[in-house]
C-alpha atoms as a PDB file:
ATOM      1  CA  MET A   1       0.018  -0.416   0.179  1.00  0.00           C
ATOM      2  CA  THR A   2       0.800   3.291  -0.839  1.00  0.00           C
ATOM      3  CA  LEU A   3      -0.054   6.862   0.835  1.00  0.00           C
ATOM      4  CA  ALA A   4      -0.063   9.952  -0.925  1.00  0.00           C
ATOM      5  CA  VAL A   5       0.479  13.018   1.028  1.00  0.00           C
ATOM      6  CA  ARG A   6       0.039  16.613  -0.212  1.00  0.00           C
ATOM      7  CA  GLN A   7       0.937  19.275   2.134  1.00  0.00           C
ATOM      8  CA  PHE A   8      -0.229  23.101   1.289  1.00  0.00           C
ATOM      9  CA  ALA A   9       0.351  25.871   3.924  1.00  0.00           C
ATOM     10  CA  CYS A  10      -2.571  27.622   4.910  1.00  0.00           C
ATOM     11  CA  LEU A  11      -4.364  30.214   7.660  1.00  0.00           C
ATOM     12  CA  SER A  12      -0.711  32.097   9.008  1.00  0.00           C
ATOM     13  CA  ASP A  13       1.175  28.898  10.129  1.00  0.00           C
ATOM     14  CA  ASN A  14      -1.434  25.684   9.843  1.00  0.00           C
ATOM     15  CA  TYR A  15      -0.468  23.053   7.605  1.00  0.00           C
ATOM     16  CA  ALA A  16      -3.568  21.484   5.842  1.00  0.00           C
ATOM     17  CA  PHE A  17      -2.765  17.726   4.488  1.00  0.00           C
ATOM     18  CA  LEU A  18      -4.854  15.536   1.802  1.00  0.00           C
ATOM     19  CA  VAL A  19      -4.169  12.064   1.725  1.00  0.00           C
ATOM     20  CA  ARG A  20      -5.051   9.511  -0.998  1.00  0.00           C
ATOM     21  CA  ASP A  21      -4.866   5.822  -0.974  1.00  0.00           C
ATOM     22  CA  GLU A  22      -3.151   4.957  -4.353  1.00  0.00           C
ATOM     23  CA  ALA A  23      -4.861   1.457  -4.063  1.00  0.00           C
ATOM     24  CA  SER A  24      -8.481   2.337  -4.311  1.00  0.00           C
ATOM     25  CA  GLY A  25      -8.078   6.482  -5.082  1.00  0.00           C
ATOM     26  CA  ALA A  26      -9.536   7.587  -1.290  1.00  0.00           C
ATOM     27  CA  VAL A  27      -8.810  10.387  -0.389  1.00  0.00           C
ATOM     28  CA  ALA A  28      -8.983  12.390   2.920  1.00  0.00           C
ATOM     29  CA  CYS A  29      -7.937  15.871   4.454  1.00  0.00           C
ATOM     30  CA  ILE A  30      -6.339  15.687   7.749  1.00  0.00           C
ATOM     31  CA  ASP A  31      -8.391  18.820  10.192  1.00  0.00           C
ATOM     32  CA  THR A  32     -10.378  21.479   7.598  1.00  0.00           C
ATOM     33  CA  PRO A  33      -8.238  24.804   8.703  1.00  0.00           C
ATOM     34  CA  ASP A  34      -9.363  26.760   5.409  1.00  0.00           C
ATOM     35  CA  ALA A  35     -11.956  25.457   3.473  1.00  0.00           C
ATOM     36  CA  ASP A  36     -11.633  27.305   0.334  1.00  0.00           C
ATOM     37  CA  ALA A  37      -7.611  26.008   0.621  1.00  0.00           C
ATOM     38  CA  ILE A  38      -8.579  22.737   0.580  1.00  0.00           C
ATOM     39  CA  LEU A  39     -11.139  22.624  -2.335  1.00  0.00           C
ATOM     40  CA  ALA A  40      -8.761  24.819  -4.679  1.00  0.00           C
ATOM     41  CA  GLU A  41      -6.198  21.610  -3.926  1.00  0.00           C
ATOM     42  CA  LEU A  42      -8.358  19.243  -4.088  1.00  0.00           C
ATOM     43  CA  ARG A  43      -9.275  21.117  -8.035  1.00  0.00           C
ATOM     44  CA  ALA A  44      -5.494  21.714  -8.657  1.00  0.00           C
ATOM     45  CA  ALA A  45      -4.720  18.059  -7.827  1.00  0.00           C
ATOM     46  CA  GLY A  46      -7.664  16.284  -9.783  1.00  0.00           C
ATOM     47  CA  TRP A  47      -8.915  14.635  -6.812  1.00  0.00           C
ATOM     48  CA  GLY A  48     -12.651  14.279  -4.720  1.00  0.00           C
ATOM     49  CA  LEU A  49     -12.526  13.848  -1.232  1.00  0.00           C
ATOM     50  CA  ASP A  50     -14.271  11.305   0.437  1.00  0.00           C
ATOM     51  CA  PHE A  51     -13.951  11.951   3.819  1.00  0.00           C
ATOM     52  CA  ILE A  52     -12.475  14.024   6.561  1.00  0.00           C
ATOM     53  CA  PHE A  53     -10.208  13.132   9.855  1.00  0.00           C
ATOM     54  CA  ASN A  54      -9.765  15.633  12.413  1.00  0.00           C
ATOM     55  CA  THR A  55      -8.052  15.256  14.892  1.00  0.00           C
ATOM     56  CA  HIS A  56      -9.244  17.790  17.520  1.00  0.00           C
ATOM     57  CA  TRP A  57     -12.171  20.220  17.833  1.00  0.00           C
ATOM     58  CA  HIS A  58     -10.462  24.254  17.478  1.00  0.00           C
ATOM     59  CA  PRO A  59     -11.760  25.907  15.015  1.00  0.00           C
ATOM     60  CA  ASP A  60      -7.913  25.916  13.300  1.00  0.00           C
ATOM     61  CA  HIS A  61      -8.960  21.905  12.712  1.00  0.00           C
ATOM     62  CA  ALA A  62     -12.522  21.732  12.636  1.00  0.00           C
ATOM     63  CA  GLY A  63     -14.068  24.936  11.624  1.00  0.00           C
ATOM     64  CA  GLY A  64     -13.824  24.473   8.062  1.00  0.00           C
ATOM     65  CA  ASN A  65     -16.013  20.814   8.426  1.00  0.00           C
ATOM     66  CA  ALA A  66     -19.502  22.705   7.351  1.00  0.00           C
ATOM     67  CA  ALA A  67     -18.229  24.013   4.345  1.00  0.00           C
ATOM     68  CA  VAL A  68     -16.144  21.000   3.062  1.00  0.00           C
ATOM     69  CA  LYS A  69     -18.832  19.001   3.729  1.00  0.00           C
ATOM     70  CA  ALA A  70     -21.343  20.920   2.087  1.00  0.00           C
ATOM     71  CA  ALA A  71     -18.698  21.215  -0.850  1.00  0.00           C
ATOM     72  CA  THR A  72     -17.980  17.427  -1.190  1.00  0.00           C
ATOM     73  CA  GLY A  73     -20.476  14.994   0.760  1.00  0.00           C
ATOM     74  CA  ALA A  74     -16.609  13.761   2.837  1.00  0.00           C
ATOM     75  CA  ILE A  75     -18.115  11.832   5.513  1.00  0.00           C
ATOM     76  CA  VAL A  76     -16.620  13.688   8.828  1.00  0.00           C
ATOM     77  CA  VAL A  77     -15.085  11.307  11.275  1.00  0.00           C
ATOM     78  CA  GLY A  78     -13.426  12.699  14.321  1.00  0.00           C
ATOM     79  CA  PRO A  79     -12.942  12.620  18.131  1.00  0.00           C
ATOM     80  CA  ALA A  80     -16.524  13.840  20.337  1.00  0.00           C
ATOM     81  CA  GLU A  81     -14.971  16.796  21.007  1.00  0.00           C
ATOM     82  CA  VAL A  82     -15.360  18.192  17.756  1.00  0.00           C
ATOM     83  CA  ALA A  83     -19.129  18.397  18.088  1.00  0.00           C
ATOM     84  CA  ARG A  84     -18.843  21.280  19.644  1.00  0.00           C
ATOM     85  CA  ILE A  85     -18.279  23.393  16.367  1.00  0.00           C
ATOM     86  CA  ALA A  86     -19.511  20.611  14.001  1.00  0.00           C
ATOM     87  CA  SER A  87     -21.607  17.691  13.184  1.00  0.00           C
ATOM     88  CA  LEU A  88     -19.660  14.310  12.646  1.00  0.00           C
ATOM     89  CA  ASP A  89     -20.857  11.377  10.965  1.00  0.00           C
ATOM     90  CA  ARG A  90     -18.738   8.882  13.284  1.00  0.00           C
ATOM     91  CA  THR A  91     -17.260   9.493  16.710  1.00  0.00           C
ATOM     92  CA  VAL A  92     -13.995   7.758  16.816  1.00  0.00           C
ATOM     93  CA  ALA A  93     -11.467   7.162  19.757  1.00  0.00           C
ATOM     94  CA  GLY A  94      -7.900   6.093  21.176  1.00  0.00           C
ATOM     95  CA  GLY A  95      -8.175   2.503  19.637  1.00  0.00           C
ATOM     96  CA  ASP A  96     -10.635   2.381  17.276  1.00  0.00           C
ATOM     97  CA  VAL A  97      -9.671   1.951  13.311  1.00  0.00           C
ATOM     98  CA  VAL A  98     -10.308   3.982  10.624  1.00  0.00           C
ATOM     99  CA  ASP A  99      -9.811   2.679   6.795  1.00  0.00           C
ATOM    100  CA  LEU A 100      -9.092   4.562   3.225  1.00  0.00           C
ATOM    101  CA  GLY A 101      -9.497   2.754   1.307  1.00  0.00           C
ATOM    102  CA  GLU A 102      -6.475  -0.112   2.296  1.00  0.00           C
ATOM    103  CA  THR A 103      -4.869   2.285   3.880  1.00  0.00           C
ATOM    104  CA  ARG A 104      -5.450   1.323   7.350  1.00  0.00           C
ATOM    105  CA  PHE A 105      -5.291   4.008  10.062  1.00  0.00           C
ATOM    106  CA  GLN A 106      -5.029   4.029  14.490  1.00  0.00           C
ATOM    107  CA  VAL A 107      -6.559   6.034  16.110  1.00  0.00           C
ATOM    108  CA  ILE A 108      -4.315   6.905  19.239  1.00  0.00           C
ATOM    109  CA  GLU A 109      -5.588   8.874  22.240  1.00  0.00           C
ATOM    110  CA  SER A 110      -3.449  11.573  22.611  1.00  0.00           C
ATOM    111  CA  GLY A 111      -4.816  14.064  25.136  1.00  0.00           C
ATOM    112  CA  GLY A 112      -3.269  17.472  26.286  1.00  0.00           C
ATOM    113  CA  HIS A 113      -3.922  19.799  24.253  1.00  0.00           C
ATOM    114  CA  THR A 114      -7.411  19.260  24.185  1.00  0.00           C
ATOM    115  CA  LEU A 115      -9.263  16.273  26.365  1.00  0.00           C
ATOM    116  CA  GLY A 116     -10.156  14.669  23.723  1.00  0.00           C
ATOM    117  CA  HIS A 117      -7.129  15.140  20.994  1.00  0.00           C
ATOM    118  CA  ILE A 118      -6.357  11.875  18.957  1.00  0.00           C
ATOM    119  CA  ALA A 119      -3.734  10.972  15.928  1.00  0.00           C
ATOM    120  CA  TYR A 120      -4.480   9.041  13.389  1.00  0.00           C
ATOM    121  CA  PHE A 121      -1.250   6.404  12.317  1.00  0.00           C
ATOM    122  CA  ASP A 122      -0.502   4.433   8.879  1.00  0.00           C
ATOM    123  CA  ALA A 123       1.673   1.761  10.517  1.00  0.00           C
ATOM    124  CA  VAL A 124       2.258   0.442   6.427  1.00  0.00           C
ATOM    125  CA  ASP A 125       3.913   4.015   5.348  1.00  0.00           C
ATOM    126  CA  GLN A 126       5.107   4.217   8.827  1.00  0.00           C
ATOM    127  CA  VAL A 127       2.683   8.324   8.905  1.00  0.00           C
ATOM    128  CA  ALA A 128       1.481   9.805  11.842  1.00  0.00           C
ATOM    129  CA  PHE A 129      -1.033  13.101  11.212  1.00  0.00           C
ATOM    130  CA  VAL A 130      -0.332  14.504  15.183  1.00  0.00           C
ATOM    131  CA  GLY A 131      -2.703  17.550  15.200  1.00  0.00           C
ATOM    132  CA  ASP A 132      -1.571  19.695  17.889  1.00  0.00           C
ATOM    133  CA  THR A 133       0.231  17.020  20.568  1.00  0.00           C
ATOM    134  CA  LEU A 134       2.988  16.697  18.879  1.00  0.00           C
ATOM    135  CA  PHE A 135       5.693  19.062  16.927  1.00  0.00           C
ATOM    136  CA  ALA A 136       9.343  19.524  15.318  1.00  0.00           C
ATOM    137  CA  LEU A 137      10.861  20.342  18.586  1.00  0.00           C
ATOM    138  CA  GLY A 138       8.225  21.132  20.407  1.00  0.00           C
ATOM    139  CA  CYS A 139       4.044  20.463  21.731  1.00  0.00           C
ATOM    140  CA  GLY A 140       1.299  22.097  22.662  1.00  0.00           C
ATOM    141  CA  ARG A 141      -0.204  24.148  25.105  1.00  0.00           C
ATOM    142  CA  LEU A 142      -2.151  22.237  28.077  1.00  0.00           C
ATOM    143  CA  PHE A 143      -5.380  24.664  26.608  1.00  0.00           C
ATOM    144  CA  GLU A 144      -7.823  21.762  28.619  1.00  0.00           C
ATOM    145  CA  GLY A 145      -5.444  18.629  29.679  1.00  0.00           C
ATOM    146  CA  THR A 146      -2.675  17.819  32.680  1.00  0.00           C
ATOM    147  CA  PRO A 147       0.788  17.925  32.693  1.00  0.00           C
ATOM    148  CA  GLU A 148       0.011  14.274  33.559  1.00  0.00           C
ATOM    149  CA  GLN A 149      -2.299  13.397  30.946  1.00  0.00           C
ATOM    150  CA  MET A 150      -0.028  15.218  27.578  1.00  0.00           C
ATOM    151  CA  TRP A 151       2.962  13.209  29.270  1.00  0.00           C
ATOM    152  CA  ALA A 152       1.246  10.371  28.181  1.00  0.00           C
ATOM    153  CA  SER A 153      -0.145  11.082  25.425  1.00  0.00           C
ATOM    154  CA  LEU A 154       3.871  11.681  24.427  1.00  0.00           C
ATOM    155  CA  GLN A 155       4.954   8.629  25.540  1.00  0.00           C
ATOM    156  CA  ARG A 156       2.179   6.575  23.230  1.00  0.00           C
ATOM    157  CA  LEU A 157       3.486   9.112  20.026  1.00  0.00           C
ATOM    158  CA  VAL A 158       7.492   8.088  21.198  1.00  0.00           C
ATOM    159  CA  ALA A 159       6.489   4.790  20.910  1.00  0.00           C
ATOM    160  CA  LEU A 160       6.065   4.864  17.344  1.00  0.00           C
ATOM    161  CA  PRO A 161       8.592   3.716  15.550  1.00  0.00           C
ATOM    162  CA  ASP A 162      11.387   6.222  15.067  1.00  0.00           C
ATOM    163  CA  GLU A 163      11.266   6.230  10.842  1.00  0.00           C
ATOM    164  CA  THR A 164       7.562   7.408  11.600  1.00  0.00           C
ATOM    165  CA  ARG A 165       6.968  10.459   8.906  1.00  0.00           C
ATOM    166  CA  VAL A 166       5.125  12.918  11.868  1.00  0.00           C
ATOM    167  CA  TYR A 167       2.570  15.536  10.164  1.00  0.00           C
ATOM    168  CA  CYS A 168       2.256  18.526  12.617  1.00  0.00           C
ATOM    169  CA  ALA A 169      -0.141  20.684  12.136  1.00  0.00           C
ATOM    170  CA  HIS A 170       2.118  24.051  12.332  1.00  0.00           C
ATOM    171  CA  GLU A 171       4.950  25.594  11.520  1.00  0.00           C
ATOM    172  CA  TYR A 172       6.096  26.492  15.153  1.00  0.00           C
ATOM    173  CA  THR A 173       9.602  24.973  14.149  1.00  0.00           C
ATOM    174  CA  ALA A 174      12.335  28.105  14.840  1.00  0.00           C
ATOM    175  CA  ALA A 175      10.417  29.309  17.658  1.00  0.00           C
ATOM    176  CA  ASN A 176      10.058  26.119  19.024  1.00  0.00           C
ATOM    177  CA  ALA A 177      13.860  25.518  18.513  1.00  0.00           C
ATOM    178  CA  ARG A 178      15.116  29.520  19.918  1.00  0.00           C
ATOM    179  CA  PHE A 179      13.195  27.864  23.386  1.00  0.00           C
ATOM    180  CA  ALA A 180      14.871  24.228  22.977  1.00  0.00           C
ATOM    181  CA  LEU A 181      18.057  26.001  23.039  1.00  0.00           C
ATOM    182  CA  SER A 182      17.219  27.777  25.857  1.00  0.00           C
ATOM    183  CA  VAL A 183      17.224  24.808  28.289  1.00  0.00           C
ATOM    184  CA  ASP A 184      19.425  21.892  26.057  1.00  0.00           C
ATOM    185  CA  ASP A 185      23.445  22.647  24.896  1.00  0.00           C
ATOM    186  CA  ASP A 186      22.964  19.199  23.163  1.00  0.00           C
ATOM    187  CA  PRO A 187      24.943  19.534  19.887  1.00  0.00           C
ATOM    188  CA  ALA A 188      22.736  17.715  18.170  1.00  0.00           C
ATOM    189  CA  LEU A 189      19.635  19.689  19.236  1.00  0.00           C
ATOM    190  CA  ALA A 190      22.544  22.691  18.371  1.00  0.00           C
ATOM    191  CA  ALA A 191      23.203  21.617  14.894  1.00  0.00           C
ATOM    192  CA  ARG A 192      19.298  20.858  13.827  1.00  0.00           C
ATOM    193  CA  ALA A 193      19.003  24.621  14.730  1.00  0.00           C
ATOM    194  CA  GLN A 194      21.098  25.877  12.949  1.00  0.00           C
ATOM    195  CA  SER A 195      19.638  23.458  10.559  1.00  0.00           C
ATOM    196  CA  ILE A 196      16.253  25.072  10.903  1.00  0.00           C
ATOM    197  CA  PHE A 197      16.763  28.799  11.370  1.00  0.00           C
ATOM    198  CA  ALA A 198      18.493  27.995   7.874  1.00  0.00           C
ATOM    199  CA  ALA A 199      15.497  26.633   6.265  1.00  0.00           C
ATOM    200  CA  ARG A 200      13.242  28.892   7.354  1.00  0.00           C
ATOM    201  CA  ALA A 201      15.387  32.044   6.199  1.00  0.00           C
ATOM    202  CA  ARG A 202      14.692  29.977   2.413  1.00  0.00           C
ATOM    203  CA  GLY A 203      11.157  29.750   2.941  1.00  0.00           C
ATOM    204  CA  GLU A 204      11.706  25.890   3.048  1.00  0.00           C
ATOM    205  CA  ALA A 205       8.701  23.630   5.134  1.00  0.00           C
ATOM    206  CA  THR A 206       9.720  21.660   8.483  1.00  0.00           C
ATOM    207  CA  VAL A 207       7.149  19.854   8.664  1.00  0.00           C
ATOM    208  CA  PRO A 208       7.212  16.364   8.188  1.00  0.00           C
ATOM    209  CA  THR A 209      10.002  15.552  10.997  1.00  0.00           C
ATOM    210  CA  SER A 210      10.424  11.778  12.260  1.00  0.00           C
ATOM    211  CA  ILE A 211       9.450  10.326  15.689  1.00  0.00           C
ATOM    212  CA  GLY A 212      13.689   9.201  15.492  1.00  0.00           C
ATOM    213  CA  LEU A 213      14.756  13.481  15.507  1.00  0.00           C
ATOM    214  CA  GLU A 214      12.029  14.052  17.823  1.00  0.00           C
ATOM    215  CA  LYS A 215      13.141  11.378  20.417  1.00  0.00           C
ATOM    216  CA  ALA A 216      17.085  12.791  19.684  1.00  0.00           C
ATOM    217  CA  THR A 217      16.454  16.750  20.115  1.00  0.00           C
ATOM    218  CA  ASN A 218      13.380  17.674  21.119  1.00  0.00           C
ATOM    219  CA  PRO A 219      13.292  18.574  24.770  1.00  0.00           C
ATOM    220  CA  PHE A 220       9.493  17.755  25.353  1.00  0.00           C
ATOM    221  CA  LEU A 221      10.644  14.219  24.877  1.00  0.00           C
ATOM    222  CA  ARG A 222      13.847  15.082  26.972  1.00  0.00           C
ATOM    223  CA  ALA A 223      12.290  16.391  30.062  1.00  0.00           C
ATOM    224  CA  PRO A 224      13.426  13.749  32.780  1.00  0.00           C
ATOM    225  CA  ARG A 225      16.770  14.886  31.622  1.00  0.00           C
ATOM    226  CA  LEU A 226      16.254  18.581  31.164  1.00  0.00           C
ATOM    227  CA  ALA A 227      14.489  18.830  35.030  1.00  0.00           C
ATOM    228  CA  GLY A 228      17.399  20.142  36.160  1.00  0.00           C
ATOM    229  CA  ARG A 229      17.227  23.031  34.324  1.00  0.00           C
ATOM    230  CA  VAL A 230      13.660  24.119  35.393  1.00  0.00           C
ATOM    231  CA  GLY A 231      13.718  23.070  39.225  1.00  0.00           C
ATOM    232  CA  LYS A 232      12.122  19.778  39.038  1.00  0.00           C
ATOM    233  CA  ALA A 233      14.986  17.033  39.710  1.00  0.00           C
ATOM    234  CA  GLY A 234      13.774  13.775  41.469  1.00  0.00           C
ATOM    235  CA  ALA A 235      10.397  14.522  40.504  1.00  0.00           C
ATOM    236  CA  PRO A 236       8.305  12.674  38.490  1.00  0.00           C
ATOM    237  CA  ASP A 237       8.668  12.848  34.700  1.00  0.00           C
ATOM    238  CA  PHE A 238       5.493  14.552  34.184  1.00  0.00           C
ATOM    239  CA  GLU A 239       6.381  17.048  36.443  1.00  0.00           C
ATOM    240  CA  ALA A 240       9.341  17.824  35.183  1.00  0.00           C
ATOM    241  CA  PHE A 241       7.992  18.052  31.626  1.00  0.00           C
ATOM    242  CA  GLY A 242       5.030  19.867  32.962  1.00  0.00           C
ATOM    243  CA  ALA A 243       7.656  22.468  34.547  1.00  0.00           C
ATOM    244  CA  LEU A 244       8.883  22.571  30.956  1.00  0.00           C
ATOM    245  CA  ARG A 245       5.811  23.258  29.082  1.00  0.00           C
ATOM    246  CA  ALA A 246       5.386  26.260  32.081  1.00  0.00           C
ATOM    247  CA  ALA A 247       8.560  27.620  30.400  1.00  0.00           C
ATOM    248  CA  LYS A 248       8.035  27.644  27.734  1.00  0.00           C
ATOM    249  CA  ASP A 249       4.491  29.426  27.845  1.00  0.00           C
ATOM    250  CA  ALA A 250       6.663  32.526  29.740  1.00  0.00           C
ATOM    251  CA  PHE A 251       9.313  32.081  26.906  1.00  0.00           C
ATOM    252  CA  ARG A 252      10.160  35.609  24.910  1.00  0.00           C
ATOM    253  CA  GLY A 253      12.942  34.718  23.310  1.00  0.00           C
END
């Protein structure tokens, strides 16, 4: 099986994704940050749309559901919380499976940014769509969940194979790198940060990333090693993570 991914920028810093199961021709969009941009990309690709797969309820992820569904007839799939702003045709949660033609996505519980946040993982193609849970060199803000919940969610994601391509939903990487450098002096991080700054100066995307790269350099996944930097030496891992996330919230570098 082969999954084709079309990634494109929209809104101020979002990425939208169209995914096509090459065996069947079935197409889904991952979230709907900008209905007009999604519909234009479908026209450019010459694709129809069969599904909308939502990761969480925020308007820059589900706000285009109604317009995209009206234009395409797509079936809307997502966590129950999406019903706060848009109708759902199928509600899913961690442990469920969603099929796109011959491509099978495992639904992974990834709450913390929002309580019901989920991710979609295609084990055959080793591709994960993680919404706002994990970012390149970062992670999502805890708008609804707790540090303990978010840390557990991140552990589910880092248990995926290192080769997994991770499609996160925002271009936050340069800002994340500046924070990471303020708390971690690891040489691999420094080298990656310089590569990121150069890529962004050229107008290049830093998404997708990979699980292996994030495990090696993302400070939020390295929180236990950095606990002393945020005054949490000897604390439970999730507390060290929470302190690091709070430090990022206050960071103005």
